[in-house]
Amino acid sequence: MPSVKNPNGPSKNRLAARAAKARKQNQKRGATALNKKHKIAKADVLRGAKPGLLPTSGPNAALSAKKRRKLERKMGYALKRRMETEGEVEMKDVPEAKTEKTSGEEMTVDTEDIS
């Protein structure tokens, strides 16, 4: 029996056109990656990520306000612990030095002595 191509599959022309299109798109992506106008990972660019759009999931996804507040609180605690280990502890029992307010007489300017 002679070998006959599957009639339901794409033709050789369509396969070649699809490969050329994919090659052209990969070349464009590579050209933008060389310019480094953005800081998007190469893997994300290959998945179709654009500079102005944030992903809805993954490590680069935008944080919700609640999660951002929680992270800021955790970072603050971590910073406080690090400062304590380095010896930069806040002195809570020392009174703060208060600045004295100047009276109205000291604030007046002598205009007679200006030469």
Protein backbone atom coordinates (compact mmCIF):
# COMPACT_ATOMS: atom_id res chain seq x y z
CA MET A 1 0.00 0.00 0.00
CA PRO A 2 1.35 3.42 -0.84
CA SER A 3 1.92 5.85 2.02
CA VAL A 4 -0.72 8.59 1.88
CA LYS A 5 -0.73 11.77 3.96
CA ASN A 6 -3.46 12.20 6.54
CA PRO A 7 -6.11 14.36 4.81
CA ASN A 8 -7.24 15.91 8.13
CA GLY A 9 -3.82 17.36 9.01
CA PRO A 10 -2.43 20.73 7.95
CA SER A 11 -0.68 20.98 4.62
CA LYS A 12 3.08 21.45 4.26
CA ASN A 13 2.51 25.07 3.30
CA ARG A 14 0.50 25.77 6.47
CA LEU A 15 3.12 24.01 8.62
CA ALA A 16 5.90 26.08 7.04
CA ALA A 17 3.91 29.29 7.47
CA ARG A 18 3.21 28.51 11.13
CA ALA A 19 6.90 27.80 11.78
CA ALA A 20 7.94 31.03 10.02
CA LYS A 21 5.44 33.03 12.06
CA ALA A 22 6.69 31.50 15.33
CA ARG A 23 10.30 32.17 14.30
CA LYS A 24 9.48 35.81 13.54
CA GLN A 25 7.70 36.30 16.88
CA ASN A 26 10.61 34.76 18.80
CA GLN A 27 13.00 37.05 16.95
CA LYS A 28 10.94 40.11 17.95
CA ARG A 29 10.85 38.96 21.58
CA GLY A 30 14.61 38.47 21.54
CA ALA A 31 15.14 41.98 20.13
CA THR A 32 13.07 43.56 22.92
CA ALA A 33 14.91 41.49 25.52
CA LEU A 34 18.22 42.89 24.29
CA ASN A 35 17.00 46.47 24.76
CA LYS A 36 16.13 45.81 28.44
CA LYS A 37 13.60 48.66 28.65
CA HIS A 38 11.72 46.65 31.26
CA LYS A 39 12.56 44.17 33.97
CA ILE A 40 10.35 41.28 32.92
CA ALA A 41 11.90 37.84 33.09
CA LYS A 42 12.57 36.11 29.81
CA ALA A 43 10.26 33.23 30.75
CA ASP A 44 7.42 35.69 31.40
CA VAL A 45 8.07 37.44 28.07
CA LEU A 46 7.84 34.09 26.30
CA ARG A 47 4.46 33.57 27.94
CA GLY A 48 3.32 36.93 26.55
CA ALA A 49 3.93 39.36 29.44
CA LYS A 50 4.00 43.05 28.53
CA PRO A 51 5.68 45.91 30.46
CA GLY A 52 2.45 47.71 31.44
CA LEU A 53 0.51 44.68 32.66
CA LEU A 54 0.91 42.92 35.99
CA PRO A 55 0.13 39.21 36.22
CA THR A 56 -2.87 38.10 38.25
CA SER A 57 -0.94 35.28 39.91
CA GLY A 58 2.59 34.28 40.70
CA PRO A 59 5.42 36.15 42.45
CA ASN A 60 5.02 39.34 40.38
CA ALA A 61 1.27 39.69 40.96
CA ALA A 62 0.00 42.90 42.55
CA LEU A 63 -0.60 42.59 46.30
CA SER A 64 -3.94 43.34 47.85
CA ALA A 65 -4.05 46.20 50.36
CA LYS A 66 -4.59 43.78 53.25
CA LYS A 67 -1.63 41.58 52.30
CA ARG A 68 0.55 44.68 51.75
CA ARG A 69 -0.24 45.96 55.27
CA LYS A 70 0.56 42.54 56.73
CA LEU A 71 3.89 42.41 54.89
CA GLU A 72 4.80 45.94 56.00
CA ARG A 73 4.06 44.97 59.60
CA LYS A 74 6.20 41.82 59.29
CA MET A 75 9.04 43.79 57.70
CA GLY A 76 8.87 46.33 60.52
CA TYR A 77 9.14 43.58 63.12
CA ALA A 78 12.06 42.01 61.25
CA LEU A 79 13.82 45.38 61.11
CA LYS A 80 13.27 45.87 64.84
CA ARG A 81 14.70 42.42 65.59
CA ARG A 82 17.73 43.12 63.41
CA MET A 83 18.33 46.44 65.15
CA GLU A 84 18.13 44.71 68.53
CA THR A 85 20.72 42.14 67.50
CA GLU A 86 23.02 44.90 66.26
CA GLY A 87 22.61 46.81 69.52
CA GLU A 88 20.62 49.76 68.23
CA VAL A 89 17.80 49.45 70.76
CA GLU A 90 15.40 52.33 71.31
CA MET A 91 15.82 53.88 74.75
CA LYS A 92 12.26 54.09 76.04
CA ASP A 93 13.07 55.21 79.59
CA VAL A 94 15.10 58.31 78.60
CA PRO A 95 13.01 61.48 78.42
CA GLU A 96 13.12 63.37 75.14
CA ALA A 97 14.78 66.78 75.12
CA LYS A 98 12.10 69.43 74.67
CA THR A 99 12.85 72.52 72.63
CA GLU A 100 12.16 75.83 74.28
CA LYS A 101 9.81 78.18 72.54
CA THR A 102 11.19 81.62 71.87
CA SER A 103 9.25 84.55 73.24
CA GLY A 104 7.87 87.32 71.08
CA GLU A 105 10.59 89.76 72.23
CA GLU A 106 13.42 87.57 70.93
CA MET A 107 11.70 87.19 67.60
CA THR A 108 11.54 90.93 66.88
CA VAL A 109 14.19 92.23 64.53
CA ASP A 110 16.15 95.43 65.15
CA THR A 111 15.71 97.51 62.06
CA GLU A 112 17.66 100.49 63.48
CA ASP A 113 21.06 98.70 63.56
CA ILE A 114 20.90 97.51 59.94
CA SER A 115 23.49 99.40 57.90
